[in-house]
All heavy atoms as atom14 arrays in JSON, in Angstrom:
{
  "sequence": "IQQRAQVLKRSATPKQAADIDSALGRLVDGEGMGTLFKALALASPGF",
  "atom14_mask": [
    [1, 1, 1, 1, 1, 1, 1, 1, 0, 0, 0, 0, 0, 0],
    [1, 1, 1, 1, 1, 1, 1, 1, 1, 0, 0, 0, 0, 0],
    [1, 1, 1, 1, 1, 1, 1, 1, 1, 0, 0, 0, 0, 0],
    [1, 1, 1, 1, 1, 1, 1, 1, 1, 1, 1, 0, 0, 0],
    [1, 1, 1, 1, 1, 0, 0, 0, 0, 0, 0, 0, 0, 0],
    [1, 1, 1, 1, 1, 1, 1, 1, 1, 0, 0, 0, 0, 0],
    [1, 1, 1, 1, 1, 1, 1, 0, 0, 0, 0, 0, 0, 0],
    [1, 1, 1, 1, 1, 1, 1, 1, 0, 0, 0, 0, 0, 0],
    [1, 1, 1, 1, 1, 1, 1, 1, 1, 0, 0, 0, 0, 0],
    [1, 1, 1, 1, 1, 1, 1, 1, 1, 1, 1, 0, 0, 0],
    [1, 1, 1, 1, 1, 1, 0, 0, 0, 0, 0, 0, 0, 0],
    [1, 1, 1, 1, 1, 0, 0, 0, 0, 0, 0, 0, 0, 0],
    [1, 1, 1, 1, 1, 1, 1, 0, 0, 0, 0, 0, 0, 0],
    [1, 1, 1, 1, 1, 1, 1, 0, 0, 0, 0, 0, 0, 0],
    [1, 1, 1, 1, 1, 1, 1, 1, 1, 0, 0, 0, 0, 0],
    [1, 1, 1, 1, 1, 1, 1, 1, 1, 0, 0, 0, 0, 0],
    [1, 1, 1, 1, 1, 0, 0, 0, 0, 0, 0, 0, 0, 0],
    [1, 1, 1, 1, 1, 0, 0, 0, 0, 0, 0, 0, 0, 0],
    [1, 1, 1, 1, 1, 1, 1, 1, 0, 0, 0, 0, 0, 0],
    [1, 1, 1, 1, 1, 1, 1, 1, 0, 0, 0, 0, 0, 0],
    [1, 1, 1, 1, 1, 1, 1, 1, 0, 0, 0, 0, 0, 0],
    [1, 1, 1, 1, 1, 1, 0, 0, 0, 0, 0, 0, 0, 0],
    [1, 1, 1, 1, 1, 0, 0, 0, 0, 0, 0, 0, 0, 0],
    [1, 1, 1, 1, 1, 1, 1, 1, 0, 0, 0, 0, 0, 0],
    [1, 1, 1, 1, 0, 0, 0, 0, 0, 0, 0, 0, 0, 0],
    [1, 1, 1, 1, 1, 1, 1, 1, 1, 1, 1, 0, 0, 0],
    [1, 1, 1, 1, 1, 1, 1, 1, 0, 0, 0, 0, 0, 0],
    [1, 1, 1, 1, 1, 1, 1, 0, 0, 0, 0, 0, 0, 0],
    [1, 1, 1, 1, 1, 1, 1, 1, 0, 0, 0, 0, 0, 0],
    [1, 1, 1, 1, 0, 0, 0, 0, 0, 0, 0, 0, 0, 0],
    [1, 1, 1, 1, 1, 1, 1, 1, 1, 0, 0, 0, 0, 0],
    [1, 1, 1, 1, 0, 0, 0, 0, 0, 0, 0, 0, 0, 0],
    [1, 1, 1, 1, 1, 1, 1, 1, 0, 0, 0, 0, 0, 0],
    [1, 1, 1, 1, 0, 0, 0, 0, 0, 0, 0, 0, 0, 0],
    [1, 1, 1, 1, 1, 1, 1, 0, 0, 0, 0, 0, 0, 0],
    [1, 1, 1, 1, 1, 1, 1, 1, 0, 0, 0, 0, 0, 0],
    [1, 1, 1, 1, 1, 1, 1, 1, 1, 1, 1, 0, 0, 0],
    [1, 1, 1, 1, 1, 1, 1, 1, 1, 0, 0, 0, 0, 0],
    [1, 1, 1, 1, 1, 0, 0, 0, 0, 0, 0, 0, 0, 0],
    [1, 1, 1, 1, 1, 1, 1, 1, 0, 0, 0, 0, 0, 0],
    [1, 1, 1, 1, 1, 0, 0, 0, 0, 0, 0, 0, 0, 0],
    [1, 1, 1, 1, 1, 1, 1, 1, 0, 0, 0, 0, 0, 0],
    [1, 1, 1, 1, 1, 0, 0, 0, 0, 0, 0, 0, 0, 0],
    [1, 1, 1, 1, 1, 1, 0, 0, 0, 0, 0, 0, 0, 0],
    [1, 1, 1, 1, 1, 1, 1, 0, 0, 0, 0, 0, 0, 0],
    [1, 1, 1, 1, 0, 0, 0, 0, 0, 0, 0, 0, 0, 0],
    [1, 1, 1, 1, 1, 1, 1, 1, 1, 1, 1, 0, 0, 0]
  ],
  "atom14_positions": [
    [[0.82, -1.21, 0.02], [-0.01, -0.01, 0.05], [0.85, 1.28, -0.01], [0.49, 2.29, -0.62], [-1.0, 0.01, 1.17], [-2.02, 1.14, 0.99], [-0.28, 0.16, 2.53], [-3.21, 1.06, 1.95], [0.0, 0.0, 0.0], [0.0, 0.0, 0.0], [0.0, 0.0, 0.0], [0.0, 0.0, 0.0], [0.0, 0.0, 0.0], [0.0, 0.0, 0.0]],
    [[2.01, 1.21, 0.65], [2.89, 2.42, 0.64], [3.35, 2.73, -0.8], [3.42, 3.92, -1.21], [4.08, 2.19, 1.54], [3.74, 2.22, 3.04], [4.93, 1.88, 3.88], [5.69, 1.0, 3.6], [5.1, 2.64, 4.97], [0.0, 0.0, 0.0], [0.0, 0.0, 0.0], [0.0, 0.0, 0.0], [0.0, 0.0, 0.0], [0.0, 0.0, 0.0]],
    [[3.72, 1.67, -1.52], [4.18, 1.9, -2.92], [3.01, 2.42, -3.78], [3.2, 3.31, -4.62], [4.72, 0.61, -3.5], [6.01, 0.14, -2.84], [5.76, -0.68, -1.57], [4.7, -0.68, -0.99], [6.79, -1.38, -1.08], [0.0, 0.0, 0.0], [0.0, 0.0, 0.0], [0.0, 0.0, 0.0], [0.0, 0.0, 0.0], [0.0, 0.0, 0.0]],
    [[1.76, 1.87, -3.55], [0.67, 2.37, -4.29], [0.36, 3.85, -3.96], [0.05, 4.6, -4.89], [-0.59, 1.51, -3.99], [-1.86, 1.92, -4.73], [-1.64, 1.94, -6.22], [-2.88, 2.34, -6.92], [-2.91, 2.9, -8.1], [-1.75, 3.18, -8.75], [-4.06, 3.24, -8.71], [0.0, 0.0, 0.0], [0.0, 0.0, 0.0], [0.0, 0.0, 0.0]],
    [[0.51, 4.2, -2.73], [0.28, 5.62, -2.38], [1.27, 6.51, -3.07], [0.89, 7.59, -3.53], [0.4, 5.78, -0.87], [0.0, 0.0, 0.0], [0.0, 0.0, 0.0], [0.0, 0.0, 0.0], [0.0, 0.0, 0.0], [0.0, 0.0, 0.0], [0.0, 0.0, 0.0], [0.0, 0.0, 0.0], [0.0, 0.0, 0.0], [0.0, 0.0, 0.0]],
    [[2.54, 6.06, -3.17], [3.52, 6.9, -3.87], [3.15, 7.1, -5.35], [3.36, 8.19, -5.89], [4.9, 6.26, -3.7], [5.48, 6.33, -2.3], [5.55, 7.77, -1.79], [6.01, 8.67, -2.49], [5.15, 7.97, -0.49], [0.0, 0.0, 0.0], [0.0, 0.0, 0.0], [0.0, 0.0, 0.0], [0.0, 0.0, 0.0], [0.0, 0.0, 0.0]],
    [[2.67, 6.02, -5.98], [2.3, 6.09, -7.34], [1.17, 7.1, -7.59], [1.19, 7.93, -8.47], [1.92, 4.71, -7.92], [1.28, 4.85, -9.31], [3.14, 3.81, -7.96], [0.0, 0.0, 0.0], [0.0, 0.0, 0.0], [0.0, 0.0, 0.0], [0.0, 0.0, 0.0], [0.0, 0.0, 0.0], [0.0, 0.0, 0.0], [0.0, 0.0, 0.0]],
    [[0.16, 7.04, -6.68], [-1.01, 7.95, -6.78], [-0.59, 9.42, -6.59], [-1.09, 10.33, -7.21], [-2.07, 7.54, -5.78], [-2.81, 6.25, -6.06], [-3.74, 5.92, -4.92], [-3.61, 6.32, -7.39], [0.0, 0.0, 0.0], [0.0, 0.0, 0.0], [0.0, 0.0, 0.0], [0.0, 0.0, 0.0], [0.0, 0.0, 0.0], [0.0, 0.0, 0.0]],
    [[0.4, 9.61, -5.71], [0.83, 11.0, -5.37], [1.64, 11.65, -6.51], [1.71, 12.88, -6.56], [1.65, 10.97, -4.08], [0.79, 10.72, -2.83], [1.63, 10.36, -1.63], [2.54, 11.47, -1.2], [3.27, 11.08, 0.05], [0.0, 0.0, 0.0], [0.0, 0.0, 0.0], [0.0, 0.0, 0.0], [0.0, 0.0, 0.0], [0.0, 0.0, 0.0]],
    [[2.14, 10.84, -7.42], [2.94, 11.41, -8.52], [2.1, 12.41, -9.37], [2.64, 13.39, -9.87], [3.48, 10.35, -9.4], [4.63, 9.51, -8.76], [5.0, 8.38, -9.64], [5.93, 7.43, -9.02], [6.15, 6.22, -9.42], [5.62, 5.8, -10.52], [6.95, 5.44, -8.72], [0.0, 0.0, 0.0], [0.0, 0.0, 0.0], [0.0, 0.0, 0.0]],
    [[0.87, 12.13, -9.58], [0.0, 12.95, -10.39], [-1.04, 13.72, -9.55], [-2.05, 14.2, -10.09], [-0.73, 12.11, -11.46], [-1.49, 11.06, -10.81], [0.0, 0.0, 0.0], [0.0, 0.0, 0.0], [0.0, 0.0, 0.0], [0.0, 0.0, 0.0], [0.0, 0.0, 0.0], [0.0, 0.0, 0.0], [0.0, 0.0, 0.0], [0.0, 0.0, 0.0]],
    [[-0.79, 13.83, -8.23], [-1.77, 14.45, -7.37], [-1.42, 15.91, -7.06], [-0.22, 16.29, -7.09], [-1.86, 13.71, -6.03], [0.0, 0.0, 0.0], [0.0, 0.0, 0.0], [0.0, 0.0, 0.0], [0.0, 0.0, 0.0], [0.0, 0.0, 0.0], [0.0, 0.0, 0.0], [0.0, 0.0, 0.0], [0.0, 0.0, 0.0], [0.0, 0.0, 0.0]],
    [[-2.44, 16.72, -6.83], [-2.18, 18.09, -6.31], [-1.73, 17.99, -4.87], [-1.8, 16.92, -4.18], [-3.5, 18.9, -6.3], [-4.42, 18.3, -5.39], [-4.13, 18.88, -7.73], [0.0, 0.0, 0.0], [0.0, 0.0, 0.0], [0.0, 0.0, 0.0], [0.0, 0.0, 0.0], [0.0, 0.0, 0.0], [0.0, 0.0, 0.0], [0.0, 0.0, 0.0]],
    [[-1.13, 19.08, -4.27], [-0.72, 18.99, -2.86], [-1.85, 18.54, -1.95], [-1.62, 17.78, -1.01], [-0.25, 20.4, -2.59], [0.21, 20.89, -3.92], [-0.72, 20.29, -4.92], [0.0, 0.0, 0.0], [0.0, 0.0, 0.0], [0.0, 0.0, 0.0], [0.0, 0.0, 0.0], [0.0, 0.0, 0.0], [0.0, 0.0, 0.0], [0.0, 0.0, 0.0]],
    [[-3.05, 19.1, -2.15], [-4.19, 18.66, -1.3], [-4.5, 17.15, -1.48], [-4.75, 16.44, -0.52], [-5.42, 19.47, -1.59], [-6.59, 19.12, -0.64], [-7.86, 19.87, -0.95], [-8.98, 19.5, 0.06], [-9.19, 18.05, 0.16], [0.0, 0.0, 0.0], [0.0, 0.0, 0.0], [0.0, 0.0, 0.0], [0.0, 0.0, 0.0], [0.0, 0.0, 0.0]],
    [[-4.53, 16.7, -2.75], [-4.77, 15.29, -3.01], [-3.74, 14.42, -2.35], [-4.01, 13.36, -1.8], [-4.92, 15.05, -4.49], [-6.08, 15.62, -5.17], [-6.03, 15.54, -6.68], [-4.98, 15.51, -7.29], [-7.22, 15.51, -7.3], [0.0, 0.0, 0.0], [0.0, 0.0, 0.0], [0.0, 0.0, 0.0], [0.0, 0.0, 0.0], [0.0, 0.0, 0.0]],
    [[-2.49, 14.86, -2.45], [-1.39, 14.1, -1.86], [-1.53, 14.0, -0.32], [-1.3, 12.95, 0.28], [-0.03, 14.71, -2.19], [0.0, 0.0, 0.0], [0.0, 0.0, 0.0], [0.0, 0.0, 0.0], [0.0, 0.0, 0.0], [0.0, 0.0, 0.0], [0.0, 0.0, 0.0], [0.0, 0.0, 0.0], [0.0, 0.0, 0.0], [0.0, 0.0, 0.0]],
    [[-1.98, 15.11, 0.26], [-2.19, 15.13, 1.74], [-3.36, 14.15, 2.11], [-3.31, 13.41, 3.09], [-2.5, 16.47, 2.22], [0.0, 0.0, 0.0], [0.0, 0.0, 0.0], [0.0, 0.0, 0.0], [0.0, 0.0, 0.0], [0.0, 0.0, 0.0], [0.0, 0.0, 0.0], [0.0, 0.0, 0.0], [0.0, 0.0, 0.0], [0.0, 0.0, 0.0]],
    [[-4.41, 14.16, 1.24], [-5.52, 13.21, 1.48], [-5.08, 11.77, 1.35], [-5.57, 10.92, 2.1], [-6.62, 13.52, 0.48], [-7.36, 14.82, 0.75], [-7.23, 15.34, 1.9], [-8.03, 15.34, -0.16], [0.0, 0.0, 0.0], [0.0, 0.0, 0.0], [0.0, 0.0, 0.0], [0.0, 0.0, 0.0], [0.0, 0.0, 0.0], [0.0, 0.0, 0.0]],
    [[-4.19, 11.49, 0.39], [-3.72, 10.11, 0.23], [-2.93, 9.69, 1.43], [-3.07, 8.59, 1.97], [-2.8, 10.04, -1.06], [-3.7, 10.2, -2.3], [-2.12, 8.7, -1.1], [-2.95, 10.41, -3.59], [0.0, 0.0, 0.0], [0.0, 0.0, 0.0], [0.0, 0.0, 0.0], [0.0, 0.0, 0.0], [0.0, 0.0, 0.0], [0.0, 0.0, 0.0]],
    [[-2.07, 10.59, 1.95], [-1.3, 10.28, 3.17], [-2.21, 10.07, 4.37], [-2.03, 9.19, 5.2], [-0.32, 11.42, 3.48], [0.89, 11.38, 2.53], [1.21, 10.37, 1.94], [1.51, 12.46, 2.41], [0.0, 0.0, 0.0], [0.0, 0.0, 0.0], [0.0, 0.0, 0.0], [0.0, 0.0, 0.0], [0.0, 0.0, 0.0], [0.0, 0.0, 0.0]],
    [[-3.28, 10.87, 4.46], [-4.23, 10.74, 5.58], [-4.94, 9.41, 5.47], [-5.09, 8.7, 6.51], [-5.25, 11.89, 5.5], [-6.19, 11.72, 6.52], [0.0, 0.0, 0.0], [0.0, 0.0, 0.0], [0.0, 0.0, 0.0], [0.0, 0.0, 0.0], [0.0, 0.0, 0.0], [0.0, 0.0, 0.0], [0.0, 0.0, 0.0], [0.0, 0.0, 0.0]],
    [[-5.39, 9.01, 4.33], [-6.05, 7.73, 4.13], [-5.14, 6.57, 4.39], [-5.52, 5.63, 5.03], [-6.62, 7.65, 2.7], [0.0, 0.0, 0.0], [0.0, 0.0, 0.0], [0.0, 0.0, 0.0], [0.0, 0.0, 0.0], [0.0, 0.0, 0.0], [0.0, 0.0, 0.0], [0.0, 0.0, 0.0], [0.0, 0.0, 0.0], [0.0, 0.0, 0.0]],
    [[-3.9, 6.66, 3.97], [-2.88, 5.62, 4.23], [-2.75, 5.42, 5.72], [-2.81, 4.29, 6.22], [-1.57, 5.98, 3.62], [-0.4, 5.08, 3.92], [-0.65, 3.66, 3.4], [0.89, 5.69, 3.36], [0.0, 0.0, 0.0], [0.0, 0.0, 0.0], [0.0, 0.0, 0.0], [0.0, 0.0, 0.0], [0.0, 0.0, 0.0], [0.0, 0.0, 0.0]],
    [[-2.61, 6.55, 6.46], [-2.47, 6.45, 7.92], [-3.74, 5.84, 8.57], [-3.6, 4.97, 9.49], [0.0, 0.0, 0.0], [0.0, 0.0, 0.0], [0.0, 0.0, 0.0], [0.0, 0.0, 0.0], [0.0, 0.0, 0.0], [0.0, 0.0, 0.0], [0.0, 0.0, 0.0], [0.0, 0.0, 0.0], [0.0, 0.0, 0.0], [0.0, 0.0, 0.0]],
    [[-4.86, 6.22, 8.09], [-6.11, 5.71, 8.68], [-6.2, 4.21, 8.47], [-6.72, 3.49, 9.33], [-7.3, 6.42, 8.03], [-8.65, 6.14, 8.7], [-9.66, 7.09, 8.16], [-10.98, 6.81, 8.74], [-12.1, 7.42, 8.42], [-12.07, 8.36, 7.5], [-13.23, 7.1, 9.01], [0.0, 0.0, 0.0], [0.0, 0.0, 0.0], [0.0, 0.0, 0.0]],
    [[-5.75, 3.72, 7.32], [-5.89, 2.26, 7.03], [-4.85, 1.38, 7.71], [-5.17, 0.26, 8.02], [-5.79, 2.05, 5.54], [-6.97, 2.6, 4.7], [-6.64, 2.46, 3.2], [-8.25, 1.84, 5.01], [0.0, 0.0, 0.0], [0.0, 0.0, 0.0], [0.0, 0.0, 0.0], [0.0, 0.0, 0.0], [0.0, 0.0, 0.0], [0.0, 0.0, 0.0]],
    [[-3.67, 1.95, 7.99], [-2.6, 1.07, 8.48], [-2.09, 1.43, 9.85], [-1.47, 0.57, 10.53], [-1.41, 1.04, 7.54], [-1.87, 0.65, 6.12], [-0.67, 2.36, 7.48], [0.0, 0.0, 0.0], [0.0, 0.0, 0.0], [0.0, 0.0, 0.0], [0.0, 0.0, 0.0], [0.0, 0.0, 0.0], [0.0, 0.0, 0.0], [0.0, 0.0, 0.0]],
    [[-2.3, 2.64, 10.38], [-1.68, 2.99, 11.64], [-2.26, 2.24, 12.83], [-3.45, 1.82, 12.81], [-1.87, 4.53, 11.85], [-0.87, 5.33, 11.06], [-0.04, 4.74, 10.4], [-1.01, 6.59, 11.07], [0.0, 0.0, 0.0], [0.0, 0.0, 0.0], [0.0, 0.0, 0.0], [0.0, 0.0, 0.0], [0.0, 0.0, 0.0], [0.0, 0.0, 0.0]],
    [[-1.41, 2.17, 13.88], [-1.79, 1.38, 15.02], [-2.88, 1.99, 15.91], [-3.36, 1.28, 16.82], [0.0, 0.0, 0.0], [0.0, 0.0, 0.0], [0.0, 0.0, 0.0], [0.0, 0.0, 0.0], [0.0, 0.0, 0.0], [0.0, 0.0, 0.0], [0.0, 0.0, 0.0], [0.0, 0.0, 0.0], [0.0, 0.0, 0.0], [0.0, 0.0, 0.0]],
    [[-3.26, 3.22, 15.75], [-4.22, 3.82, 16.64], [-5.66, 3.62, 16.15], [-6.61, 3.99, 16.89], [-3.95, 5.33, 16.72], [-2.63, 5.68, 17.33], [-2.48, 5.12, 18.73], [-3.45, 5.22, 19.53], [-1.4, 4.58, 19.08], [0.0, 0.0, 0.0], [0.0, 0.0, 0.0], [0.0, 0.0, 0.0], [0.0, 0.0, 0.0], [0.0, 0.0, 0.0]],
    [[-5.83, 3.0, 14.99], [-7.21, 2.89, 14.45], [-7.44, 1.61, 13.73], [-7.23, 0.51, 14.26], [0.0, 0.0, 0.0], [0.0, 0.0, 0.0], [0.0, 0.0, 0.0], [0.0, 0.0, 0.0], [0.0, 0.0, 0.0], [0.0, 0.0, 0.0], [0.0, 0.0, 0.0], [0.0, 0.0, 0.0], [0.0, 0.0, 0.0], [0.0, 0.0, 0.0]],
    [[-7.91, 1.73, 12.46], [-8.24, 0.6, 11.68], [-7.1, -0.34, 11.5], [-7.31, -1.6, 11.35], [-8.78, 1.02, 10.33], [-10.04, 1.86, 10.37], [-10.61, 2.42, 8.71], [-11.41, 0.94, 8.16], [0.0, 0.0, 0.0], [0.0, 0.0, 0.0], [0.0, 0.0, 0.0], [0.0, 0.0, 0.0], [0.0, 0.0, 0.0], [0.0, 0.0, 0.0]],
    [[-5.9, 0.13, 11.45], [-4.77, -0.71, 11.17], [-4.55, -1.83, 12.14], [-4.11, -2.91, 11.72], [0.0, 0.0, 0.0], [0.0, 0.0, 0.0], [0.0, 0.0, 0.0], [0.0, 0.0, 0.0], [0.0, 0.0, 0.0], [0.0, 0.0, 0.0], [0.0, 0.0, 0.0], [0.0, 0.0, 0.0], [0.0, 0.0, 0.0], [0.0, 0.0, 0.0]],
    [[-4.94, -1.66, 13.4], [-4.8, -2.77, 14.36], [-6.12, -3.27, 14.86], [-6.25, -4.45, 15.18], [-3.98, -2.27, 15.61], [-4.59, -1.08, 16.14], [-2.53, -1.98, 15.26], [0.0, 0.0, 0.0], [0.0, 0.0, 0.0], [0.0, 0.0, 0.0], [0.0, 0.0, 0.0], [0.0, 0.0, 0.0], [0.0, 0.0, 0.0], [0.0, 0.0, 0.0]],
    [[-7.13, -2.45, 14.9], [-8.45, -2.92, 15.35], [-8.96, -3.97, 14.39], [-9.59, -4.98, 14.74], [-9.42, -1.77, 15.44], [-10.87, -2.13, 15.87], [-10.92, -2.78, 17.19], [-11.78, -0.89, 15.79], [0.0, 0.0, 0.0], [0.0, 0.0, 0.0], [0.0, 0.0, 0.0], [0.0, 0.0, 0.0], [0.0, 0.0, 0.0], [0.0, 0.0, 0.0]],
    [[-8.76, -3.73, 13.04], [-9.21, -4.67, 12.03], [-8.18, -5.77, 11.8], [-6.99, -5.46, 11.84], [-9.51, -3.95, 10.75], [-10.82, -3.2, 10.76], [-10.96, -2.06, 11.47], [-11.92, -3.67, 10.07], [-12.17, -1.34, 11.55], [-13.14, -3.01, 10.11], [-13.3, -1.85, 10.84], [0.0, 0.0, 0.0], [0.0, 0.0, 0.0], [0.0, 0.0, 0.0]],
    [[-8.68, -6.96, 11.6], [-7.79, -8.13, 11.39], [-8.14, -8.74, 10.0], [-9.16, -8.52, 9.5], [-7.97, -9.15, 12.48], [-7.95, -8.64, 13.9], [-6.62, -8.09, 14.29], [-6.53, -7.8, 15.81], [-7.56, -6.83, 16.28], [0.0, 0.0, 0.0], [0.0, 0.0, 0.0], [0.0, 0.0, 0.0], [0.0, 0.0, 0.0], [0.0, 0.0, 0.0]],
    [[-7.24, -9.57, 9.51], [-7.38, -10.24, 8.25], [-7.09, -11.72, 8.41], [-6.1, -12.11, 9.0], [-6.53, -9.64, 7.15], [0.0, 0.0, 0.0], [0.0, 0.0, 0.0], [0.0, 0.0, 0.0], [0.0, 0.0, 0.0], [0.0, 0.0, 0.0], [0.0, 0.0, 0.0], [0.0, 0.0, 0.0], [0.0, 0.0, 0.0], [0.0, 0.0, 0.0]],
    [[-7.98, -12.56, 7.87], [-7.87, -14.01, 7.93], [-7.95, -14.52, 6.5], [-8.84, -14.1, 5.75], [-8.96, -14.61, 8.8], [-9.03, -16.14, 8.83], [-7.91, -16.73, 9.67], [-10.39, -16.56, 9.39], [0.0, 0.0, 0.0], [0.0, 0.0, 0.0], [0.0, 0.0, 0.0], [0.0, 0.0, 0.0], [0.0, 0.0, 0.0], [0.0, 0.0, 0.0]],
    [[-7.07, -15.39, 6.1], [-7.09, -16.01, 4.78], [-7.48, -17.51, 4.91], [-6.98, -18.16, 5.82], [-5.73, -15.93, 4.08], [0.0, 0.0, 0.0], [0.0, 0.0, 0.0], [0.0, 0.0, 0.0], [0.0, 0.0, 0.0], [0.0, 0.0, 0.0], [0.0, 0.0, 0.0], [0.0, 0.0, 0.0], [0.0, 0.0, 0.0], [0.0, 0.0, 0.0]],
    [[-8.29, -17.92, 3.99], [-8.68, -19.33, 3.89], [-8.34, -19.83, 2.51], [-8.33, -19.01, 1.54], [-10.2, -19.51, 4.09], [-10.78, -18.89, 5.38], [-12.32, -19.03, 5.35], [-10.18, -19.5, 6.61], [0.0, 0.0, 0.0], [0.0, 0.0, 0.0], [0.0, 0.0, 0.0], [0.0, 0.0, 0.0], [0.0, 0.0, 0.0], [0.0, 0.0, 0.0]],
    [[-7.97, -21.09, 2.4], [-7.53, -21.59, 1.07], [-7.8, -23.07, 0.97], [-7.92, -23.78, 1.98], [-6.06, -21.29, 0.85], [0.0, 0.0, 0.0], [0.0, 0.0, 0.0], [0.0, 0.0, 0.0], [0.0, 0.0, 0.0], [0.0, 0.0, 0.0], [0.0, 0.0, 0.0], [0.0, 0.0, 0.0], [0.0, 0.0, 0.0], [0.0, 0.0, 0.0]],
    [[-7.86, -23.51, -0.28], [-8.07, -24.96, -0.54], [-6.8, -25.72, -0.05], [-5.69, -25.18, 0.01], [-8.24, -25.18, -2.03], [-9.39, -24.56, -2.52], [0.0, 0.0, 0.0], [0.0, 0.0, 0.0], [0.0, 0.0, 0.0], [0.0, 0.0, 0.0], [0.0, 0.0, 0.0], [0.0, 0.0, 0.0], [0.0, 0.0, 0.0], [0.0, 0.0, 0.0]],
    [[-6.98, -26.99, 0.33], [-5.85, -27.77, 0.8], [-4.71, -27.77, -0.26], [-5.0, -27.99, -1.43], [-6.46, -29.13, 0.98], [-7.91, -28.9, 1.26], [-8.25, -27.7, 0.45], [0.0, 0.0, 0.0], [0.0, 0.0, 0.0], [0.0, 0.0, 0.0], [0.0, 0.0, 0.0], [0.0, 0.0, 0.0], [0.0, 0.0, 0.0], [0.0, 0.0, 0.0]],
    [[-3.52, -27.47, 0.2], [-2.36, -27.49, -0.68], [-2.07, -26.16, -1.39], [-1.09, -26.03, -2.05], [0.0, 0.0, 0.0], [0.0, 0.0, 0.0], [0.0, 0.0, 0.0], [0.0, 0.0, 0.0], [0.0, 0.0, 0.0], [0.0, 0.0, 0.0], [0.0, 0.0, 0.0], [0.0, 0.0, 0.0], [0.0, 0.0, 0.0], [0.0, 0.0, 0.0]],
    [[-3.02, -25.22, -1.22], [-2.79, -23.88, -1.85], [-1.58, -23.22, -1.25], [-0.84, -22.51, -1.94], [-4.04, -23.05, -1.68], [-4.01, -21.71, -2.32], [-4.59, -21.51, -3.56], [-3.39, -20.64, -1.68], [-4.54, -20.25, -4.18], [-3.36, -19.35, -2.3], [-3.96, -19.17, -3.58], [0.0, 0.0, 0.0], [0.0, 0.0, 0.0], [0.0, 0.0, 0.0]]
  ]
}
């Protein structure tokens, strides 16, 4: 996600770049969704 954020910021205005950074932090930082939310993967046997 960090690399994707950098790609999006290349063509962004300063405000858009700030919004991208804000969204990145909201999704991954430890004070909010980044730790409260968890991810579980399921797969077929042998996958």
